[in-house]
């Protein structure tokens, strides 16, 4: 008898454009604060608020990002820990990574820009 580990399910992304204007404004403000905070506790609280606003469930390490694909503007908000996401910009001076969502990384991958 063999044992097979269950596959990790990927939380479904949320489309930024599906959020109403108030939610988009709040999302943008909180993401900006999360990107610039120096407090780990504040960062975690901001991520929790962002996850609540978007309704994403099953996020692995409580960190979400908006797709930073340089080829399109898909607007997907997704789990930042997704192994199929692709780094598009090396982090320098900010907290949030710049990643393509898994769909963009699969459809039109872009290498890291220095």
PDB file of N, CA and C in Angstrom:
ATOM      1  N   UNK A   1       0.844  -1.171   0.000  1.00  0.00           N
ATOM      2  CA  UNK A   1       0.000   0.000   0.000  1.00  0.00           C
ATOM      3  C   UNK A   1       0.894   1.240   0.000  1.00  0.00           C
ATOM      4  N   UNK A   2       0.630   2.152  -0.881  1.00  0.00           N
ATOM      5  CA  UNK A   2       1.415   3.388  -0.924  1.00  0.00           C
ATOM      6  C   UNK A   2       0.575   4.547  -0.387  1.00  0.00           C
ATOM      7  N   UNK A   3       1.285   5.515   0.140  1.00  0.00           N
ATOM      8  CA  UNK A   3       0.623   6.690   0.679  1.00  0.00           C
ATOM      9  C   UNK A   3       0.949   7.866  -0.214  1.00  0.00           C
ATOM     10  N   UNK A   4      -0.069   8.559  -0.632  1.00  0.00           N
ATOM     11  CA  UNK A   4       0.113   9.720  -1.504  1.00  0.00           C
ATOM     12  C   UNK A   4      -0.323  10.952  -0.735  1.00  0.00           C
ATOM     13  N   UNK A   5       0.558  11.922  -0.687  1.00  0.00           N
ATOM     14  CA  UNK A   5       0.221  13.181  -0.024  1.00  0.00           C
ATOM     15  C   UNK A   5      -0.794  13.935  -0.864  1.00  0.00           C
ATOM     16  N   UNK A   6      -1.753  14.573  -0.209  1.00  0.00           N
ATOM     17  CA  UNK A   6      -2.716  15.354  -0.992  1.00  0.00           C
ATOM     18  C   UNK A   6      -2.033  16.552  -1.637  1.00  0.00           C
ATOM     19  N   UNK A   7      -2.461  16.880  -2.822  1.00  0.00           N
ATOM     20  CA  UNK A   7      -1.903  18.034  -3.524  1.00  0.00           C
ATOM     21  C   UNK A   7      -2.305  19.312  -2.807  1.00  0.00           C
ATOM     22  N   UNK A   8      -1.399  20.259  -2.778  1.00  0.00           N
ATOM     23  CA  UNK A   8      -1.715  21.558  -2.176  1.00  0.00           C
ATOM     24  C   UNK A   8      -2.667  22.296  -3.100  1.00  0.00           C
ATOM     25  N   UNK A   9      -3.764  22.723  -2.553  1.00  0.00           N
ATOM     26  CA  UNK A   9      -4.705  23.476  -3.372  1.00  0.00           C
ATOM     27  C   UNK A   9      -4.326  24.937  -3.334  1.00  0.00           C
ATOM     28  N   UNK A  10      -4.432  25.582  -4.439  1.00  0.00           N
ATOM     29  CA  UNK A  10      -4.090  26.992  -4.581  1.00  0.00           C
ATOM     30  C   UNK A  10      -5.322  27.827  -4.289  1.00  0.00           C
ATOM     31  N   UNK A  11      -5.186  28.816  -3.387  1.00  0.00           N
ATOM     32  CA  UNK A  11      -6.329  29.705  -3.167  1.00  0.00           C
ATOM     33  C   UNK A  11      -6.688  30.409  -4.479  1.00  0.00           C
ATOM     34  N   UNK A  12      -7.958  30.504  -4.735  1.00  0.00           N
ATOM     35  CA  UNK A  12      -8.397  31.181  -5.955  1.00  0.00           C
ATOM     36  C   UNK A  12      -8.041  32.662  -5.882  1.00  0.00           C
ATOM     37  N   UNK A  13      -7.471  33.206  -6.956  1.00  0.00           N
ATOM     38  CA  UNK A  13      -7.167  34.634  -6.945  1.00  0.00           C
ATOM     39  C   UNK A  13      -8.446  35.456  -6.980  1.00  0.00           C
ATOM     40  N   UNK A  14      -8.329  36.683  -6.589  1.00  0.00           N
ATOM     41  CA  UNK A  14      -9.435  37.633  -6.642  1.00  0.00           C
ATOM     42  C   UNK A  14      -9.040  38.699  -7.642  1.00  0.00           C
ATOM     43  N   UNK A  15      -9.979  39.139  -8.448  1.00  0.00           N
ATOM     44  CA  UNK A  15      -9.682  40.189  -9.408  1.00  0.00           C
ATOM     45  C   UNK A  15      -9.881  41.552  -8.750  1.00  0.00           C
ATOM     46  N   UNK A  16      -8.860  42.372  -8.806  1.00  0.00           N
ATOM     47  CA  UNK A  16      -8.898  43.720  -8.243  1.00  0.00           C
ATOM     48  C   UNK A  16     -10.095  44.503  -8.776  1.00  0.00           C
ATOM     49  N   UNK A  17     -10.397  44.343 -10.060  1.00  0.00           N
ATOM     50  CA  UNK A  17     -11.505  45.079 -10.675  1.00  0.00           C
ATOM     51  C   UNK A  17     -12.874  44.628 -10.156  1.00  0.00           C
ATOM     52  N   UNK A  18     -12.929  43.464  -9.508  1.00  0.00           N
ATOM     53  CA  UNK A  18     -14.190  42.991  -8.935  1.00  0.00           C
ATOM     54  C   UNK A  18     -14.486  43.667  -7.595  1.00  0.00           C
ATOM     55  N   UNK A  19     -13.470  44.304  -7.007  1.00  0.00           N
ATOM     56  CA  UNK A  19     -13.684  45.047  -5.767  1.00  0.00           C
ATOM     57  C   UNK A  19     -14.384  46.361  -6.096  1.00  0.00           C
ATOM     58  N   UNK A  20     -15.224  46.836  -5.192  1.00  0.00           N
ATOM     59  CA  UNK A  20     -15.856  48.136  -5.460  1.00  0.00           C
ATOM     60  C   UNK A  20     -14.826  49.247  -5.234  1.00  0.00           C
ATOM     61  N   UNK A  21     -15.165  50.458  -5.597  1.00  0.00           N
ATOM     62  CA  UNK A  21     -14.224  51.576  -5.532  1.00  0.00           C
ATOM     63  C   UNK A  21     -13.688  51.804  -4.125  1.00  0.00           C
ATOM     64  N   UNK A  22     -14.542  51.718  -3.126  1.00  0.00           N
ATOM     65  CA  UNK A  22     -14.096  51.891  -1.735  1.00  0.00           C
ATOM     66  C   UNK A  22     -13.108  50.799  -1.342  1.00  0.00           C
ATOM     67  N   UNK A  23     -13.403  49.570  -1.730  1.00  0.00           N
ATOM     68  CA  UNK A  23     -12.499  48.461  -1.425  1.00  0.00           C
ATOM     69  C   UNK A  23     -11.164  48.632  -2.144  1.00  0.00           C
ATOM     70  N   UNK A  24     -11.207  49.077  -3.397  1.00  0.00           N
ATOM     71  CA  UNK A  24      -9.968  49.303  -4.143  1.00  0.00           C
ATOM     72  C   UNK A  24      -9.123  50.385  -3.481  1.00  0.00           C
ATOM     73  N   UNK A  25      -9.761  51.475  -3.069  1.00  0.00           N
ATOM     74  CA  UNK A  25      -9.021  52.560  -2.414  1.00  0.00           C
ATOM     75  C   UNK A  25      -8.394  52.081  -1.111  1.00  0.00           C
ATOM     76  N   UNK A  26      -9.167  51.345  -0.312  1.00  0.00           N
ATOM     77  CA  UNK A  26      -8.647  50.828   0.947  1.00  0.00           C
ATOM     78  C   UNK A  26      -7.532  49.816   0.690  1.00  0.00           C
ATOM     79  N   UNK A  27      -7.732  48.951  -0.288  1.00  0.00           N
ATOM     80  CA  UNK A  27      -6.708  47.970  -0.660  1.00  0.00           C
ATOM     81  C   UNK A  27      -5.408  48.683  -1.019  1.00  0.00           C
ATOM     82  N   UNK A  28      -5.494  49.690  -1.863  1.00  0.00           N
ATOM     83  CA  UNK A  28      -4.294  50.422  -2.294  1.00  0.00           C
ATOM     84  C   UNK A  28      -3.590  51.088  -1.117  1.00  0.00           C
ATOM     85  N   UNK A  29      -4.366  51.700  -0.233  1.00  0.00           N
ATOM     86  CA  UNK A  29      -3.782  52.367   0.935  1.00  0.00           C
ATOM     87  C   UNK A  29      -3.090  51.363   1.856  1.00  0.00           C
ATOM     88  N   UNK A  30      -3.740  50.244   2.122  1.00  0.00           N
ATOM     89  CA  UNK A  30      -3.162  49.240   3.003  1.00  0.00           C
ATOM     90  C   UNK A  30      -1.933  48.580   2.386  1.00  0.00           C
ATOM     91  N   UNK A  31      -1.969  48.339   1.079  1.00  0.00           N
ATOM     92  CA  UNK A  31      -0.798  47.759   0.411  1.00  0.00           C
ATOM     93  C   UNK A  31       0.383  48.721   0.482  1.00  0.00           C
ATOM     94  N   UNK A  32       0.114  50.007   0.303  1.00  0.00           N
ATOM     95  CA  UNK A  32       1.180  51.007   0.385  1.00  0.00           C
ATOM     96  C   UNK A  32       1.784  51.026   1.794  1.00  0.00           C
ATOM     97  N   UNK A  33       0.922  50.977   2.796  1.00  0.00           N
ATOM     98  CA  UNK A  33       1.415  50.940   4.188  1.00  0.00           C
ATOM     99  C   UNK A  33       2.208  49.665   4.454  1.00  0.00           C
ATOM    100  N   UNK A  34       1.719  48.535   3.973  1.00  0.00           N
ATOM    101  CA  UNK A  34       2.423  47.261   4.167  1.00  0.00           C
ATOM    102  C   UNK A  34       3.781  47.284   3.472  1.00  0.00           C
ATOM    103  N   UNK A  35       3.830  47.932   2.334  1.00  0.00           N
ATOM    104  CA  UNK A  35       5.073  48.004   1.567  1.00  0.00           C
ATOM    105  C   UNK A  35       6.133  48.833   2.282  1.00  0.00           C
ATOM    106  N   UNK A  36       5.701  49.772   3.104  1.00  0.00           N
ATOM    107  CA  UNK A  36       6.638  50.719   3.703  1.00  0.00           C
ATOM    108  C   UNK A  36       6.822  50.610   5.214  1.00  0.00           C
ATOM    109  N   UNK A  37       6.057  49.756   5.880  1.00  0.00           N
ATOM    110  CA  UNK A  37       6.182  49.670   7.333  1.00  0.00           C
ATOM    111  C   UNK A  37       7.513  49.033   7.746  1.00  0.00           C
ATOM    112  N   UNK A  38       7.976  49.399   8.915  1.00  0.00           N
ATOM    113  CA  UNK A  38       9.177  48.777   9.472  1.00  0.00           C
ATOM    114  C   UNK A  38       8.816  47.855  10.632  1.00  0.00           C
ATOM    115  N   UNK A  39       7.551  47.740  10.938  1.00  0.00           N
ATOM    116  CA  UNK A  39       7.079  46.923  12.051  1.00  0.00           C
ATOM    117  C   UNK A  39       6.494  45.601  11.538  1.00  0.00           C
ATOM    118  N   UNK A  40       7.040  44.499  12.002  1.00  0.00           N
ATOM    119  CA  UNK A  40       6.527  43.187  11.603  1.00  0.00           C
ATOM    120  C   UNK A  40       5.085  42.989  12.068  1.00  0.00           C
ATOM    121  N   UNK A  41       4.774  43.475  13.271  1.00  0.00           N
ATOM    122  CA  UNK A  41       3.412  43.334  13.792  1.00  0.00           C
ATOM    123  C   UNK A  41       2.416  44.128  12.940  1.00  0.00           C
ATOM    124  N   UNK A  42       2.795  45.341  12.552  1.00  0.00           N
ATOM    125  CA  UNK A  42       1.911  46.145  11.699  1.00  0.00           C
ATOM    126  C   UNK A  42       1.745  45.485  10.336  1.00  0.00           C
ATOM    127  N   UNK A  43       2.824  44.947   9.780  1.00  0.00           N
ATOM    128  CA  UNK A  43       2.762  44.272   8.484  1.00  0.00           C
ATOM    129  C   UNK A  43       1.770  43.110   8.543  1.00  0.00           C
ATOM    130  N   UNK A  44       1.867  42.304   9.580  1.00  0.00           N
ATOM    131  CA  UNK A  44       0.952  41.167   9.731  1.00  0.00           C
ATOM    132  C   UNK A  44      -0.493  41.630   9.859  1.00  0.00           C
ATOM    133  N   UNK A  45      -0.722  42.706  10.614  1.00  0.00           N
ATOM    134  CA  UNK A  45      -2.083  43.241  10.775  1.00  0.00           C
ATOM    135  C   UNK A  45      -2.613  43.781   9.448  1.00  0.00           C
ATOM    136  N   UNK A  46      -1.760  44.445   8.691  1.00  0.00           N
ATOM    137  CA  UNK A  46      -2.171  44.980   7.396  1.00  0.00           C
ATOM    138  C   UNK A  46      -2.510  43.848   6.430  1.00  0.00           C
ATOM    139  N   UNK A  47      -1.708  42.798   6.425  1.00  0.00           N
ATOM    140  CA  UNK A  47      -1.993  41.655   5.562  1.00  0.00           C
ATOM    141  C   UNK A  47      -3.309  40.988   5.959  1.00  0.00           C
ATOM    142  N   UNK A  48      -3.558  40.873   7.252  1.00  0.00           N
ATOM    143  CA  UNK A  48      -4.826  40.289   7.711  1.00  0.00           C
ATOM    144  C   UNK A  48      -6.000  41.128   7.226  1.00  0.00           C
ATOM    145  N   UNK A  49      -5.862  42.443   7.286  1.00  0.00           N
ATOM    146  CA  UNK A  49      -6.928  43.330   6.804  1.00  0.00           C
ATOM    147  C   UNK A  49      -7.103  43.187   5.296  1.00  0.00           C
ATOM    148  N   UNK A  50      -6.013  43.095   4.564  1.00  0.00           N
ATOM    149  CA  UNK A  50      -6.083  42.944   3.102  1.00  0.00           C
ATOM    150  C   UNK A  50      -6.749  41.626   2.713  1.00  0.00           C
ATOM    151  N   UNK A  51      -6.425  40.580   3.434  1.00  0.00           N
ATOM    152  CA  UNK A  51      -7.040  39.282   3.156  1.00  0.00           C
ATOM    153  C   UNK A  51      -8.539  39.347   3.433  1.00  0.00           C
ATOM    154  N   UNK A  52      -8.920  40.040   4.501  1.00  0.00           N
ATOM    155  CA  UNK A  52     -10.342  40.189   4.826  1.00  0.00           C
ATOM    156  C   UNK A  52     -11.075  40.997   3.760  1.00  0.00           C
ATOM    157  N   UNK A  53     -10.463  42.062   3.273  1.00  0.00           N
ATOM    158  CA  UNK A  53     -11.094  42.903   2.244  1.00  0.00           C
ATOM    159  C   UNK A  53     -11.331  42.113   0.962  1.00  0.00           C
ATOM    160  N   UNK A  54     -10.344  41.314   0.566  1.00  0.00           N
ATOM    161  CA  UNK A  54     -10.446  40.594  -0.705  1.00  0.00           C
ATOM    162  C   UNK A  54     -11.263  39.319  -0.596  1.00  0.00           C
ATOM    163  N   UNK A  55     -11.342  38.748   0.611  1.00  0.00           N
ATOM    164  CA  UNK A  55     -12.074  37.499   0.788  1.00  0.00           C
ATOM    165  C   UNK A  55     -11.297  36.269   0.366  1.00  0.00           C
ATOM    166  N   UNK A  56     -10.000  36.421   0.114  1.00  0.00           N
ATOM    167  CA  UNK A  56      -9.178  35.265  -0.250  1.00  0.00           C
ATOM    168  C   UNK A  56      -9.073  34.348   0.964  1.00  0.00           C
ATOM    169  N   UNK A  57      -9.264  33.064   0.750  1.00  0.00           N
ATOM    170  CA  UNK A  57      -9.118  32.092   1.837  1.00  0.00           C
ATOM    171  C   UNK A  57      -8.014  31.104   1.478  1.00  0.00           C
ATOM    172  N   UNK A  58      -7.437  30.500   2.500  1.00  0.00           N
ATOM    173  CA  UNK A  58      -6.415  29.480   2.278  1.00  0.00           C
ATOM    174  C   UNK A  58      -5.041  30.021   1.964  1.00  0.00           C
ATOM    175  N   UNK A  59      -4.785  31.282   2.270  1.00  0.00           N
ATOM    176  CA  UNK A  59      -3.471  31.870   2.012  1.00  0.00           C
ATOM    177  C   UNK A  59      -2.479  31.237   2.978  1.00  0.00           C
ATOM    178  N   UNK A  60      -1.394  30.731   2.458  1.00  0.00           N
ATOM    179  CA  UNK A  60      -0.476  29.899   3.237  1.00  0.00           C
ATOM    180  C   UNK A  60       0.228  30.641   4.367  1.00  0.00           C
ATOM    181  N   UNK A  61       0.872  31.742   4.101  1.00  0.00           N
ATOM    182  CA  UNK A  61       1.611  32.473   5.135  1.00  0.00           C
ATOM    183  C   UNK A  61       1.065  33.876   5.352  1.00  0.00           C
ATOM    184  N   UNK A  62      -0.236  34.050   5.110  1.00  0.00           N
ATOM    185  CA  UNK A  62      -0.914  35.328   5.343  1.00  0.00           C
ATOM    186  C   UNK A  62      -0.244  36.504   4.640  1.00  0.00           C
ATOM    187  N   UNK A  63       0.077  36.310   3.375  1.00  0.00           N
ATOM    188  CA  UNK A  63       0.621  37.402   2.571  1.00  0.00           C
ATOM    189  C   UNK A  63       0.039  37.293   1.164  1.00  0.00           C
ATOM    190  N   UNK A  64      -0.545  38.390   0.709  1.00  0.00           N
ATOM    191  CA  UNK A  64      -1.102  38.425  -0.636  1.00  0.00           C
ATOM    192  C   UNK A  64      -0.441  39.556  -1.416  1.00  0.00           C
ATOM    193  N   UNK A  65      -0.508  39.459  -2.726  1.00  0.00           N
ATOM    194  CA  UNK A  65       0.044  40.480  -3.611  1.00  0.00           C
ATOM    195  C   UNK A  65      -0.893  40.696  -4.785  1.00  0.00           C
ATOM    196  N   UNK A  66      -0.782  41.853  -5.383  1.00  0.00           N
ATOM    197  CA  UNK A  66      -1.454  42.135  -6.651  1.00  0.00           C
ATOM    198  C   UNK A  66      -0.430  41.854  -7.745  1.00  0.00           C
ATOM    199  N   UNK A  67      -0.840  41.204  -8.803  1.00  0.00           N
ATOM    200  CA  UNK A  67       0.060  40.831  -9.883  1.00  0.00           C
ATOM    201  C   UNK A  67       0.811  42.056 -10.403  1.00  0.00           C
ATOM    202  N   UNK A  68       2.113  41.896 -10.549  1.00  0.00           N
ATOM    203  CA  UNK A  68       2.973  42.978 -11.043  1.00  0.00           C
ATOM    204  C   UNK A  68       3.536  42.620 -12.414  1.00  0.00           C
ATOM    205  N   UNK A  69       2.720  41.999 -13.227  1.00  0.00           N
ATOM    206  CA  UNK A  69       3.160  41.581 -14.549  1.00  0.00           C
ATOM    207  C   UNK A  69       3.425  42.800 -15.428  1.00  0.00           C
ATOM    208  N   UNK A  70       4.626  42.917 -15.978  1.00  0.00           N
ATOM    209  CA  UNK A  70       4.920  44.064 -16.836  1.00  0.00           C
ATOM    210  C   UNK A  70       4.307  43.942 -18.237  1.00  0.00           C
ATOM    211  N   UNK A  71       3.755  42.766 -18.568  1.00  0.00           N
ATOM    212  CA  UNK A  71       3.213  42.574 -19.912  1.00  0.00           C
ATOM    213  C   UNK A  71       1.713  42.849 -20.008  1.00  0.00           C
ATOM    214  N   UNK A  72       1.021  42.809 -18.881  1.00  0.00           N
ATOM    215  CA  UNK A  72      -0.421  43.027 -18.917  1.00  0.00           C
ATOM    216  C   UNK A  72      -0.871  43.623 -17.591  1.00  0.00           C
ATOM    217  N   UNK A  73      -2.109  43.946 -17.497  1.00  0.00           N
ATOM    218  CA  UNK A  73      -2.673  44.443 -16.244  1.00  0.00           C
ATOM    219  C   UNK A  73      -3.852  43.543 -15.907  1.00  0.00           C
ATOM    220  N   UNK A  74      -3.536  42.345 -15.388  1.00  0.00           N
ATOM    221  CA  UNK A  74      -4.598  41.367 -15.133  1.00  0.00           C
ATOM    222  C   UNK A  74      -5.356  41.682 -13.844  1.00  0.00           C
ATOM    223  N   UNK A  75      -4.702  42.340 -12.880  1.00  0.00           N
ATOM    224  CA  UNK A  75      -5.383  42.719 -11.653  1.00  0.00           C
ATOM    225  C   UNK A  75      -5.629  41.600 -10.671  1.00  0.00           C
ATOM    226  N   UNK A  76      -4.992  40.447 -10.857  1.00  0.00           N
ATOM    227  CA  UNK A  76      -5.202  39.348  -9.919  1.00  0.00           C
ATOM    228  C   UNK A  76      -4.514  39.633  -8.589  1.00  0.00           C
ATOM    229  N   UNK A  77      -5.210  39.314  -7.506  1.00  0.00           N
ATOM    230  CA  UNK A  77      -4.664  39.373  -6.160  1.00  0.00           C
ATOM    231  C   UNK A  77      -4.541  37.917  -5.731  1.00  0.00           C
ATOM    232  N   UNK A  78      -3.353  37.511  -5.294  1.00  0.00           N
ATOM    233  CA  UNK A  78      -3.098  36.091  -5.085  1.00  0.00           C
ATOM    234  C   UNK A  78      -2.174  35.855  -3.894  1.00  0.00           C
ATOM    235  N   UNK A  79      -2.052  34.594  -3.507  1.00  0.00           N
ATOM    236  CA  UNK A  79      -1.182  34.165  -2.419  1.00  0.00           C
ATOM    237  C   UNK A  79       0.269  34.400  -2.830  1.00  0.00           C
ATOM    238  N   UNK A  80       0.980  35.236  -2.070  1.00  0.00           N
ATOM    239  CA  UNK A  80       2.368  35.570  -2.403  1.00  0.00           C
ATOM    240  C   UNK A  80       3.290  34.363  -2.292  1.00  0.00           C
ATOM    241  N   UNK A  81       2.862  33.321  -1.595  1.00  0.00           N
ATOM    242  CA  UNK A  81       3.681  32.130  -1.417  1.00  0.00           C
ATOM    243  C   UNK A  81       3.457  31.099  -2.519  1.00  0.00           C
ATOM    244  N   UNK A  82       2.669  31.410  -3.493  1.00  0.00           N
ATOM    245  CA  UNK A  82       2.381  30.447  -4.555  1.00  0.00           C
ATOM    246  C   UNK A  82       3.679  30.087  -5.283  1.00  0.00           C
ATOM    247  N   UNK A  83       4.039  28.811  -5.310  1.00  0.00           N
ATOM    248  CA  UNK A  83       5.298  28.424  -5.942  1.00  0.00           C
ATOM    249  C   UNK A  83       5.326  28.656  -7.451  1.00  0.00           C
ATOM    250  N   UNK A  84       4.173  28.875  -8.060  1.00  0.00           N
ATOM    251  CA  UNK A  84       4.122  29.112  -9.502  1.00  0.00           C
ATOM    252  C   UNK A  84       4.176  30.593  -9.865  1.00  0.00           C
ATOM    253  N   UNK A  85       4.236  31.470  -8.853  1.00  0.00           N
ATOM    254  CA  UNK A  85       4.391  32.907  -9.126  1.00  0.00           C
ATOM    255  C   UNK A  85       5.830  33.150  -9.563  1.00  0.00           C
ATOM    256  N   UNK A  86       6.046  34.236 -10.266  1.00  0.00           N
ATOM    257  CA  UNK A  86       7.365  34.535 -10.821  1.00  0.00           C
ATOM    258  C   UNK A  86       7.799  35.934 -10.414  1.00  0.00           C
ATOM    259  N   UNK A  87       8.991  36.049  -9.866  1.00  0.00           N
ATOM    260  CA  UNK A  87       9.532  37.348  -9.469  1.00  0.00           C
ATOM    261  C   UNK A  87       9.784  38.179 -10.723  1.00  0.00           C
ATOM    262  N   UNK A  88       9.289  39.430 -10.717  1.00  0.00           N
ATOM    263  CA  UNK A  88       9.502  40.317 -11.865  1.00  0.00           C
ATOM    264  C   UNK A  88      10.451  41.467 -11.560  1.00  0.00           C
ATOM    265  N   UNK A  89      10.674  41.709 -10.270  1.00  0.00           N
ATOM    266  CA  UNK A  89      11.575  42.797  -9.893  1.00  0.00           C
ATOM    267  C   UNK A  89      12.240  42.425  -8.578  1.00  0.00           C
ATOM    268  N   UNK A  90      13.550  42.549  -8.540  1.00  0.00           N
ATOM    269  CA  UNK A  90      14.265  42.251  -7.305  1.00  0.00           C
ATOM    270  C   UNK A  90      13.865  43.254  -6.230  1.00  0.00           C
ATOM    271  N   UNK A  91      13.565  42.783  -5.013  1.00  0.00           N
ATOM    272  CA  UNK A  91      13.162  43.707  -3.953  1.00  0.00           C
ATOM    273  C   UNK A  91      14.321  44.619  -3.556  1.00  0.00           C
ATOM    274  N   UNK A  92      14.009  45.878  -3.434  1.00  0.00           N
ATOM    275  CA  UNK A  92      15.034  46.841  -3.046  1.00  0.00           C
ATOM    276  C   UNK A  92      14.358  48.009  -2.343  1.00  0.00           C
ATOM    277  N   UNK A  93      14.405  48.015  -1.015  1.00  0.00           N
ATOM    278  CA  UNK A  93      13.871  49.135  -0.259  1.00  0.00           C
ATOM    279  C   UNK A  93      12.386  49.084   0.036  1.00  0.00           C
ATOM    280  N   UNK A  94      11.760  47.945  -0.141  1.00  0.00           N
ATOM    281  CA  UNK A  94      10.346  47.820   0.179  1.00  0.00           C
ATOM    282  C   UNK A  94      10.082  46.420   0.705  1.00  0.00           C
ATOM    283  N   UNK A  95       8.911  46.205   1.292  1.00  0.00           N
ATOM    284  CA  UNK A  95       8.563  44.922   1.910  1.00  0.00           C
ATOM    285  C   UNK A  95       7.927  43.934   0.948  1.00  0.00           C
ATOM    286  N   UNK A  96       7.098  44.420   0.058  1.00  0.00           N
ATOM    287  CA  UNK A  96       6.341  43.533  -0.813  1.00  0.00           C
ATOM    288  C   UNK A  96       7.148  43.155  -2.039  1.00  0.00           C
ATOM    289  N   UNK A  97       7.098  41.881  -2.366  1.00  0.00           N
ATOM    290  CA  UNK A  97       7.748  41.437  -3.583  1.00  0.00           C
ATOM    291  C   UNK A  97       6.967  41.886  -4.807  1.00  0.00           C
ATOM    292  N   UNK A  98       7.596  41.878  -5.929  1.00  0.00           N
ATOM    293  CA  UNK A  98       6.942  42.180  -7.201  1.00  0.00           C
ATOM    294  C   UNK A  98       6.919  40.872  -7.973  1.00  0.00           C
ATOM    295  N   UNK A  99       5.712  40.278  -8.031  1.00  0.00           N
ATOM    296  CA  UNK A  99       5.559  38.964  -8.629  1.00  0.00           C
ATOM    297  C   UNK A  99       4.473  38.957  -9.693  1.00  0.00           C
ATOM    298  N   UNK A 100       4.680  38.102 -10.685  1.00  0.00           N
ATOM    299  CA  UNK A 100       3.605  37.798 -11.629  1.00  0.00           C
ATOM    300  C   UNK A 100       2.771  36.698 -10.992  1.00  0.00           C
ATOM    301  N   UNK A 101       1.467  36.784 -11.148  1.00  0.00           N
ATOM    302  CA  UNK A 101       0.614  35.707 -10.670  1.00  0.00           C
ATOM    303  C   UNK A 101       0.929  34.442 -11.476  1.00  0.00           C
ATOM    304  N   UNK A 102       0.551  33.278 -10.992  1.00  0.00           N
ATOM    305  CA  UNK A 102       0.852  32.039 -11.715  1.00  0.00           C
ATOM    306  C   UNK A 102       0.324  32.011 -13.155  1.00  0.00           C
ATOM    307  N   UNK A 103      -0.846  32.612 -13.393  1.00  0.00           N
ATOM    308  CA  UNK A 103      -1.387  32.611 -14.760  1.00  0.00           C
ATOM    309  C   UNK A 103      -0.494  33.413 -15.702  1.00  0.00           C
ATOM    310  N   UNK A 104      -0.070  34.601 -15.280  1.00  0.00           N
ATOM    311  CA  UNK A 104       0.813  35.419 -16.116  1.00  0.00           C
ATOM    312  C   UNK A 104       2.185  34.762 -16.262  1.00  0.00           C
ATOM    313  N   UNK A 105       2.679  34.187 -15.172  1.00  0.00           N
ATOM    314  CA  UNK A 105       3.983  33.523 -15.216  1.00  0.00           C
ATOM    315  C   UNK A 105       3.955  32.367 -16.212  1.00  0.00           C
ATOM    316  N   UNK A 106       2.804  31.731 -16.351  1.00  0.00           N
ATOM    317  CA  UNK A 106       2.662  30.635 -17.292  1.00  0.00           C
ATOM    318  C   UNK A 106       2.443  31.141 -18.712  1.00  0.00           C
ATOM    319  N   UNK A 107       1.610  32.184 -18.863  1.00  0.00           N
ATOM    320  CA  UNK A 107       1.255  32.696 -20.191  1.00  0.00           C
ATOM    321  C   UNK A 107       2.358  33.528 -20.841  1.00  0.00           C
ATOM    322  N   UNK A 108       3.004  34.390 -20.067  1.00  0.00           N
ATOM    323  CA  UNK A 108       4.052  35.255 -20.627  1.00  0.00           C
ATOM    324  C   UNK A 108       5.073  35.612 -19.537  1.00  0.00           C
ATOM    325  N   UNK A 109       5.913  34.642 -19.181  1.00  0.00           N
ATOM    326  CA  UNK A 109       6.890  34.865 -18.118  1.00  0.00           C
ATOM    327  C   UNK A 109       7.878  35.973 -18.466  1.00  0.00           C
ATOM    328  N   UNK A 110       8.214  36.753 -17.468  1.00  0.00           N
ATOM    329  CA  UNK A 110       9.184  37.819 -17.625  1.00  0.00           C
ATOM    330  C   UNK A 110      10.311  37.585 -16.625  1.00  0.00           C
ATOM    331  N   UNK A 111      11.538  37.748 -17.044  1.00  0.00           N
ATOM    332  CA  UNK A 111      12.654  37.579 -16.103  1.00  0.00           C
ATOM    333  C   UNK A 111      12.723  38.743 -15.121  1.00  0.00           C
ATOM    334  N   UNK A 112      13.468  38.529 -14.053  1.00  0.00           N
ATOM    335  CA  UNK A 112      13.670  39.566 -13.060  1.00  0.00           C
ATOM    336  C   UNK A 112      14.382  40.741 -13.711  1.00  0.00           C
ATOM    337  N   UNK A 113      13.887  41.962 -13.424  1.00  0.00           N
ATOM    338  CA  UNK A 113      14.543  43.163 -13.927  1.00  0.00           C
ATOM    339  C   UNK A 113      15.466  43.680 -12.843  1.00  0.00           C
ATOM    340  N   UNK A 114      16.683  43.997 -13.205  1.00  0.00           N
ATOM    341  CA  UNK A 114      17.629  44.551 -12.228  1.00  0.00           C
ATOM    342  C   UNK A 114      17.514  46.030 -12.108  1.00  0.00           C
TER     343      UNK A 114
END
